[in-house]
Amino acid sequence: MTQSKIKLNATEEVQEFVNAATKCDFDIDIYYNRFLIDAKSILGILSMDLTKVLTVECHGESKEFDRTLKKFAVA
């Protein structure tokens, strides 16, 4: 299990992130404070406060998804 911090600024970025997550055959969670959402749910992510840094928790590995995480990573 790995954790990453990301920032999604626009609806297009959320859609790109969810599309990449859906291609993975393992669970991916995204959370902020006490709100935990399935990263494969576009409506769930859009319901979160996108002005905040989000934590992504991957329960598996995918090089393709890692590239997406790096694109939205917070330094």
PDB file of N, CA and C in Angstrom:
ATOM      1  N   MET A   1       0.849  -1.184   0.000  1.00  0.00           N
ATOM      2  CA  MET A   1       0.000   0.000   0.000  1.00  0.00           C
ATOM      3  C   MET A   1       0.892   1.244   0.000  1.00  0.00           C
ATOM      4  N   THR A   2       0.612   2.162  -0.913  1.00  0.00           N
ATOM      5  CA  THR A   2       1.378   3.397  -1.001  1.00  0.00           C
ATOM      6  C   THR A   2       0.454   4.601  -0.872  1.00  0.00           C
ATOM      7  N   GLN A   3       1.000   5.694  -0.381  1.00  0.00           N
ATOM      8  CA  GLN A   3       0.238   6.929  -0.249  1.00  0.00           C
ATOM      9  C   GLN A   3       0.923   8.039  -1.023  1.00  0.00           C
ATOM     10  N   SER A   4       0.108   8.901  -1.627  1.00  0.00           N
ATOM     11  CA  SER A   4       0.603  10.059  -2.361  1.00  0.00           C
ATOM     12  C   SER A   4      -0.304  11.241  -2.084  1.00  0.00           C
ATOM     13  N   LYS A   5       0.247  12.424  -2.158  1.00  0.00           N
ATOM     14  CA  LYS A   5      -0.530  13.664  -2.014  1.00  0.00           C
ATOM     15  C   LYS A   5      -0.697  14.272  -3.399  1.00  0.00           C
ATOM     16  N   ILE A   6      -1.946  14.627  -3.735  1.00  0.00           N
ATOM     17  CA  ILE A   6      -2.218  15.214  -5.046  1.00  0.00           C
ATOM     18  C   ILE A   6      -3.104  16.444  -4.899  1.00  0.00           C
ATOM     19  N   LYS A   7      -3.180  17.208  -5.979  1.00  0.00           N
ATOM     20  CA  LYS A   7      -4.072  18.361  -6.055  1.00  0.00           C
ATOM     21  C   LYS A   7      -4.739  18.328  -7.415  1.00  0.00           C
ATOM     22  N   LEU A   8      -6.064  18.317  -7.418  1.00  0.00           N
ATOM     23  CA  LEU A   8      -6.844  18.335  -8.657  1.00  0.00           C
ATOM     24  C   LEU A   8      -7.541  19.686  -8.736  1.00  0.00           C
ATOM     25  N   ASN A   9      -7.246  20.457  -9.780  1.00  0.00           N
ATOM     26  CA  ASN A   9      -7.739  21.830  -9.853  1.00  0.00           C
ATOM     27  C   ASN A   9      -8.974  22.024 -10.724  1.00  0.00           C
ATOM     28  N   ALA A  10      -9.211  21.133 -11.664  1.00  0.00           N
ATOM     29  CA  ALA A  10     -10.320  21.326 -12.600  1.00  0.00           C
ATOM     30  C   ALA A  10     -11.053  20.013 -12.834  1.00  0.00           C
ATOM     31  N   THR A  11     -12.265  20.120 -13.337  1.00  0.00           N
ATOM     32  CA  THR A  11     -13.082  18.947 -13.625  1.00  0.00           C
ATOM     33  C   THR A  11     -12.376  18.023 -14.616  1.00  0.00           C
ATOM     34  N   GLU A  12     -11.662  18.602 -15.569  1.00  0.00           N
ATOM     35  CA  GLU A  12     -10.940  17.795 -16.561  1.00  0.00           C
ATOM     36  C   GLU A  12      -9.856  16.953 -15.888  1.00  0.00           C
ATOM     37  N   GLU A  13      -9.202  17.528 -14.889  1.00  0.00           N
ATOM     38  CA  GLU A  13      -8.172  16.787 -14.162  1.00  0.00           C
ATOM     39  C   GLU A  13      -8.782  15.649 -13.356  1.00  0.00           C
ATOM     40  N   VAL A  14      -9.941  15.886 -12.751  1.00  0.00           N
ATOM     41  CA  VAL A  14     -10.639  14.828 -12.007  1.00  0.00           C
ATOM     42  C   VAL A  14     -11.000  13.699 -12.963  1.00  0.00           C
ATOM     43  N   GLN A  15     -11.507  14.039 -14.140  1.00  0.00           N
ATOM     44  CA  GLN A  15     -11.889  13.025 -15.121  1.00  0.00           C
ATOM     45  C   GLN A  15     -10.671  12.212 -15.567  1.00  0.00           C
ATOM     46  N   GLU A  16      -9.551  12.877 -15.809  1.00  0.00           N
ATOM     47  CA  GLU A  16      -8.326  12.179 -16.209  1.00  0.00           C
ATOM     48  C   GLU A  16      -7.847  11.238 -15.098  1.00  0.00           C
ATOM     49  N   PHE A  17      -7.911  11.712 -13.861  1.00  0.00           N
ATOM     50  CA  PHE A  17      -7.489  10.901 -12.713  1.00  0.00           C
ATOM     51  C   PHE A  17      -8.383   9.667 -12.554  1.00  0.00           C
ATOM     52  N   VAL A  18      -9.690   9.863 -12.639  1.00  0.00           N
ATOM     53  CA  VAL A  18     -10.639   8.751 -12.491  1.00  0.00           C
ATOM     54  C   VAL A  18     -10.478   7.747 -13.634  1.00  0.00           C
ATOM     55  N   ASN A  19     -10.264   8.221 -14.851  1.00  0.00           N
ATOM     56  CA  ASN A  19     -10.057   7.315 -15.988  1.00  0.00           C
ATOM     57  C   ASN A  19      -8.831   6.440 -15.760  1.00  0.00           C
ATOM     58  N   ALA A  20      -7.757   7.026 -15.242  1.00  0.00           N
ATOM     59  CA  ALA A  20      -6.547   6.250 -14.959  1.00  0.00           C
ATOM     60  C   ALA A  20      -6.788   5.254 -13.829  1.00  0.00           C
ATOM     61  N   ALA A  21      -7.523   5.683 -12.803  1.00  0.00           N
ATOM     62  CA  ALA A  21      -7.809   4.803 -11.660  1.00  0.00           C
ATOM     63  C   ALA A  21      -8.679   3.625 -12.067  1.00  0.00           C
ATOM     64  N   THR A  22      -9.623   3.851 -12.978  1.00  0.00           N
ATOM     65  CA  THR A  22     -10.546   2.788 -13.391  1.00  0.00           C
ATOM     66  C   THR A  22      -9.832   1.666 -14.124  1.00  0.00           C
ATOM     67  N   LYS A  23      -8.698   1.964 -14.727  1.00  0.00           N
ATOM     68  CA  LYS A  23      -7.943   0.943 -15.455  1.00  0.00           C
ATOM     69  C   LYS A  23      -7.181   0.001 -14.521  1.00  0.00           C
ATOM     70  N   CYS A  24      -7.105   0.353 -13.244  1.00  0.00           N
ATOM     71  CA  CYS A  24      -6.383  -0.471 -12.270  1.00  0.00           C
ATOM     72  C   CYS A  24      -7.291  -1.560 -11.722  1.00  0.00           C
ATOM     73  N   ASP A  25      -6.720  -2.748 -11.488  1.00  0.00           N
ATOM     74  CA  ASP A  25      -7.509  -3.867 -10.970  1.00  0.00           C
ATOM     75  C   ASP A  25      -7.391  -4.003  -9.453  1.00  0.00           C
ATOM     76  N   PHE A  26      -7.011  -2.921  -8.777  1.00  0.00           N
ATOM     77  CA  PHE A  26      -6.918  -2.922  -7.315  1.00  0.00           C
ATOM     78  C   PHE A  26      -7.651  -1.692  -6.781  1.00  0.00           C
ATOM     79  N   ASP A  27      -7.898  -1.682  -5.480  1.00  0.00           N
ATOM     80  CA  ASP A  27      -8.615  -0.573  -4.863  1.00  0.00           C
ATOM     81  C   ASP A  27      -7.723   0.649  -4.718  1.00  0.00           C
ATOM     82  N   ILE A  28      -8.325   1.811  -4.957  1.00  0.00           N
ATOM     83  CA  ILE A  28      -7.642   3.083  -4.765  1.00  0.00           C
ATOM     84  C   ILE A  28      -8.610   3.982  -4.001  1.00  0.00           C
ATOM     85  N   ASP A  29      -8.156   4.478  -2.871  1.00  0.00           N
ATOM     86  CA  ASP A  29      -8.977   5.377  -2.060  1.00  0.00           C
ATOM     87  C   ASP A  29      -8.382   6.774  -2.112  1.00  0.00           C
ATOM     88  N   ILE A  30      -9.247   7.760  -1.988  1.00  0.00           N
ATOM     89  CA  ILE A  30      -8.799   9.149  -1.936  1.00  0.00           C
ATOM     90  C   ILE A  30      -9.506   9.788  -0.753  1.00  0.00           C
ATOM     91  N   TYR A  31      -8.749  10.517   0.046  1.00  0.00           N
ATOM     92  CA  TYR A  31      -9.386  11.109   1.218  1.00  0.00           C
ATOM     93  C   TYR A  31      -8.785  12.446   1.615  1.00  0.00           C
ATOM     94  N   TYR A  32      -9.595  13.179   2.344  1.00  0.00           N
ATOM     95  CA  TYR A  32      -9.222  14.441   2.948  1.00  0.00           C
ATOM     96  C   TYR A  32      -9.917  14.478   4.304  1.00  0.00           C
ATOM     97  N   ASN A  33      -9.137  14.695   5.357  1.00  0.00           N
ATOM     98  CA  ASN A  33      -9.662  14.642   6.726  1.00  0.00           C
ATOM     99  C   ASN A  33     -10.387  13.318   6.956  1.00  0.00           C
ATOM    100  N   ARG A  34     -11.686  13.358   7.219  1.00  0.00           N
ATOM    101  CA  ARG A  34     -12.435  12.142   7.534  1.00  0.00           C
ATOM    102  C   ARG A  34     -13.251  11.631   6.357  1.00  0.00           C
ATOM    103  N   PHE A  35     -13.172  12.285   5.212  1.00  0.00           N
ATOM    104  CA  PHE A  35     -13.934  11.882   4.034  1.00  0.00           C
ATOM    105  C   PHE A  35     -13.123  10.916   3.196  1.00  0.00           C
ATOM    106  N   LEU A  36     -13.640   9.699   3.036  1.00  0.00           N
ATOM    107  CA  LEU A  36     -12.969   8.660   2.257  1.00  0.00           C
ATOM    108  C   LEU A  36     -13.845   8.318   1.056  1.00  0.00           C
ATOM    109  N   ILE A  37     -13.250   8.391  -0.136  1.00  0.00           N
ATOM    110  CA  ILE A  37     -13.990   8.179  -1.377  1.00  0.00           C
ATOM    111  C   ILE A  37     -13.243   7.160  -2.231  1.00  0.00           C
ATOM    112  N   ASP A  38     -13.980   6.356  -2.965  1.00  0.00           N
ATOM    113  CA  ASP A  38     -13.392   5.450  -3.952  1.00  0.00           C
ATOM    114  C   ASP A  38     -12.865   6.311  -5.097  1.00  0.00           C
ATOM    115  N   ALA A  39     -11.586   6.186  -5.425  1.00  0.00           N
ATOM    116  CA  ALA A  39     -10.968   7.023  -6.457  1.00  0.00           C
ATOM    117  C   ALA A  39     -11.523   6.737  -7.851  1.00  0.00           C
ATOM    118  N   LYS A  40     -12.305   5.696  -7.989  1.00  0.00           N
ATOM    119  CA  LYS A  40     -12.891   5.374  -9.293  1.00  0.00           C
ATOM    120  C   LYS A  40     -14.269   6.010  -9.456  1.00  0.00           C
ATOM    121  N   SER A  41     -14.678   6.821  -8.469  1.00  0.00           N
ATOM    122  CA  SER A  41     -15.983   7.477  -8.487  1.00  0.00           C
ATOM    123  C   SER A  41     -15.819   8.965  -8.799  1.00  0.00           C
ATOM    124  N   ILE A  42     -16.184   9.356 -10.013  1.00  0.00           N
ATOM    125  CA  ILE A  42     -16.025  10.758 -10.403  1.00  0.00           C
ATOM    126  C   ILE A  42     -16.927  11.672  -9.570  1.00  0.00           C
ATOM    127  N   LEU A  43     -18.150  11.227  -9.302  1.00  0.00           N
ATOM    128  CA  LEU A  43     -19.052  12.050  -8.491  1.00  0.00           C
ATOM    129  C   LEU A  43     -18.557  12.175  -7.060  1.00  0.00           C
ATOM    130  N   GLY A  44     -17.979  11.095  -6.539  1.00  0.00           N
ATOM    131  CA  GLY A  44     -17.433  11.138  -5.193  1.00  0.00           C
ATOM    132  C   GLY A  44     -16.309  12.144  -5.074  1.00  0.00           C
ATOM    133  N   ILE A  45     -15.402  12.140  -6.042  1.00  0.00           N
ATOM    134  CA  ILE A  45     -14.275  13.075  -5.998  1.00  0.00           C
ATOM    135  C   ILE A  45     -14.748  14.507  -6.210  1.00  0.00           C
ATOM    136  N   LEU A  46     -15.682  14.706  -7.119  1.00  0.00           N
ATOM    137  CA  LEU A  46     -16.201  16.053  -7.355  1.00  0.00           C
ATOM    138  C   LEU A  46     -16.937  16.606  -6.144  1.00  0.00           C
ATOM    139  N   SER A  47     -17.415  15.726  -5.255  1.00  0.00           N
ATOM    140  CA  SER A  47     -18.112  16.187  -4.048  1.00  0.00           C
ATOM    141  C   SER A  47     -17.141  16.616  -2.955  1.00  0.00           C
ATOM    142  N   MET A  48     -15.849  16.342  -3.158  1.00  0.00           N
ATOM    143  CA  MET A  48     -14.842  16.729  -2.169  1.00  0.00           C
ATOM    144  C   MET A  48     -14.428  18.185  -2.381  1.00  0.00           C
ATOM    145  N   ASP A  49     -13.749  18.744  -1.390  1.00  0.00           N
ATOM    146  CA  ASP A  49     -13.227  20.097  -1.473  1.00  0.00           C
ATOM    147  C   ASP A  49     -11.933  20.067  -2.287  1.00  0.00           C
ATOM    148  N   LEU A  50     -12.011  20.424  -3.559  1.00  0.00           N
ATOM    149  CA  LEU A  50     -10.857  20.328  -4.451  1.00  0.00           C
ATOM    150  C   LEU A  50      -9.849  21.453  -4.247  1.00  0.00           C
ATOM    151  N   THR A  51     -10.122  22.360  -3.307  1.00  0.00           N
ATOM    152  CA  THR A  51      -9.136  23.388  -2.991  1.00  0.00           C
ATOM    153  C   THR A  51      -8.081  22.846  -2.033  1.00  0.00           C
ATOM    154  N   LYS A  52      -8.301  21.647  -1.512  1.00  0.00           N
ATOM    155  CA  LYS A  52      -7.389  21.040  -0.535  1.00  0.00           C
ATOM    156  C   LYS A  52      -6.497  19.996  -1.202  1.00  0.00           C
ATOM    157  N   VAL A  53      -5.396  19.686  -0.533  1.00  0.00           N
ATOM    158  CA  VAL A  53      -4.520  18.601  -0.967  1.00  0.00           C
ATOM    159  C   VAL A  53      -5.178  17.290  -0.551  1.00  0.00           C
ATOM    160  N   LEU A  54      -5.272  16.349  -1.475  1.00  0.00           N
ATOM    161  CA  LEU A  54      -5.925  15.065  -1.228  1.00  0.00           C
ATOM    162  C   LEU A  54      -4.883  13.963  -1.089  1.00  0.00           C
ATOM    163  N   THR A  55      -5.193  12.974  -0.282  1.00  0.00           N
ATOM    164  CA  THR A  55      -4.304  11.831  -0.105  1.00  0.00           C
ATOM    165  C   THR A  55      -4.866  10.645  -0.868  1.00  0.00           C
ATOM    166  N   VAL A  56      -4.014  10.031  -1.685  1.00  0.00           N
ATOM    167  CA  VAL A  56      -4.401   8.852  -2.461  1.00  0.00           C
ATOM    168  C   VAL A  56      -3.707   7.644  -1.854  1.00  0.00           C
ATOM    169  N   GLU A  57      -4.485   6.597  -1.606  1.00  0.00           N
ATOM    170  CA  GLU A  57      -3.947   5.360  -1.038  1.00  0.00           C
ATOM    171  C   GLU A  57      -4.192   4.235  -2.032  1.00  0.00           C
ATOM    172  N   CYS A  58      -3.107   3.679  -2.570  1.00  0.00           N
ATOM    173  CA  CYS A  58      -3.202   2.601  -3.560  1.00  0.00           C
ATOM    174  C   CYS A  58      -2.962   1.258  -2.885  1.00  0.00           C
ATOM    175  N   HIS A  59      -3.809   0.288  -3.186  1.00  0.00           N
ATOM    176  CA  HIS A  59      -3.686  -1.060  -2.632  1.00  0.00           C
ATOM    177  C   HIS A  59      -3.150  -2.021  -3.695  1.00  0.00           C
ATOM    178  N   GLY A  60      -2.223  -1.528  -4.493  1.00  0.00           N
ATOM    179  CA  GLY A  60      -1.615  -2.303  -5.565  1.00  0.00           C
ATOM    180  C   GLY A  60      -0.661  -1.403  -6.317  1.00  0.00           C
ATOM    181  N   GLU A  61      -0.111  -1.908  -7.431  1.00  0.00           N
ATOM    182  CA  GLU A  61       0.849  -1.122  -8.192  1.00  0.00           C
ATOM    183  C   GLU A  61       0.537  -1.139  -9.677  1.00  0.00           C
ATOM    184  N   SER A  62       0.728   0.012 -10.298  1.00  0.00           N
ATOM    185  CA  SER A  62       0.563   0.152 -11.744  1.00  0.00           C
ATOM    186  C   SER A  62       1.472   1.288 -12.198  1.00  0.00           C
ATOM    187  N   LYS A  63       2.367   0.990 -13.132  1.00  0.00           N
ATOM    188  CA  LYS A  63       3.288   2.026 -13.621  1.00  0.00           C
ATOM    189  C   LYS A  63       2.526   3.135 -14.328  1.00  0.00           C
ATOM    190  N   GLU A  64       1.482   2.759 -15.051  1.00  0.00           N
ATOM    191  CA  GLU A  64       0.688   3.761 -15.760  1.00  0.00           C
ATOM    192  C   GLU A  64      -0.008   4.702 -14.777  1.00  0.00           C
ATOM    193  N   PHE A  65      -0.586   4.142 -13.706  1.00  0.00           N
ATOM    194  CA  PHE A  65      -1.257   4.976 -12.715  1.00  0.00           C
ATOM    195  C   PHE A  65      -0.247   5.823 -11.947  1.00  0.00           C
ATOM    196  N   ASP A  66       0.953   5.296 -11.722  1.00  0.00           N
ATOM    197  CA  ASP A  66       2.010   6.068 -11.053  1.00  0.00           C
ATOM    198  C   ASP A  66       2.344   7.338 -11.837  1.00  0.00           C
ATOM    199  N   ARG A  67       2.324   7.253 -13.159  1.00  0.00           N
ATOM    200  CA  ARG A  67       2.575   8.441 -13.989  1.00  0.00           C
ATOM    201  C   ARG A  67       1.496   9.494 -13.765  1.00  0.00           C
ATOM    202  N   THR A  68       0.248   9.049 -13.640  1.00  0.00           N
ATOM    203  CA  THR A  68      -0.848   9.975 -13.378  1.00  0.00           C
ATOM    204  C   THR A  68      -0.677  10.618 -12.011  1.00  0.00           C
ATOM    205  N   LEU A  69      -0.301   9.822 -11.022  1.00  0.00           N
ATOM    206  CA  LEU A  69      -0.085  10.384  -9.680  1.00  0.00           C
ATOM    207  C   LEU A  69       1.023  11.431  -9.692  1.00  0.00           C
ATOM    208  N   LYS A  70       2.089  11.167 -10.424  1.00  0.00           N
ATOM    209  CA  LYS A  70       3.198  12.123 -10.494  1.00  0.00           C
ATOM    210  C   LYS A  70       2.767  13.417 -11.167  1.00  0.00           C
ATOM    211  N   LYS A  71       1.868  13.317 -12.127  1.00  0.00           N
ATOM    212  CA  LYS A  71       1.398  14.511 -12.834  1.00  0.00           C
ATOM    213  C   LYS A  71       0.669  15.461 -11.893  1.00  0.00           C
ATOM    214  N   PHE A  72      -0.099  14.905 -10.947  1.00  0.00           N
ATOM    215  CA  PHE A  72      -0.891  15.720 -10.031  1.00  0.00           C
ATOM    216  C   PHE A  72      -0.267  15.840  -8.639  1.00  0.00           C
ATOM    217  N   ALA A  73       0.950  15.334  -8.480  1.00  0.00           N
ATOM    218  CA  ALA A  73       1.598  15.298  -7.165  1.00  0.00           C
ATOM    219  C   ALA A  73       1.866  16.702  -6.625  1.00  0.00           C
ATOM    220  N   VAL A  74       1.795  16.778  -5.299  1.00  0.00           N
ATOM    221  CA  VAL A  74       2.126  18.001  -4.594  1.00  0.00           C
ATOM    222  C   VAL A  74       3.518  17.818  -4.017  1.00  0.00           C
ATOM    223  N   ALA A  75       4.364  18.786  -4.245  1.00  0.00           N
ATOM    224  CA  ALA A  75       5.760  18.675  -3.781  1.00  0.00           C
ATOM    225  C   ALA A  75       5.872  18.745  -2.268  1.00  0.00           C
TER     226      ALA A  75
END
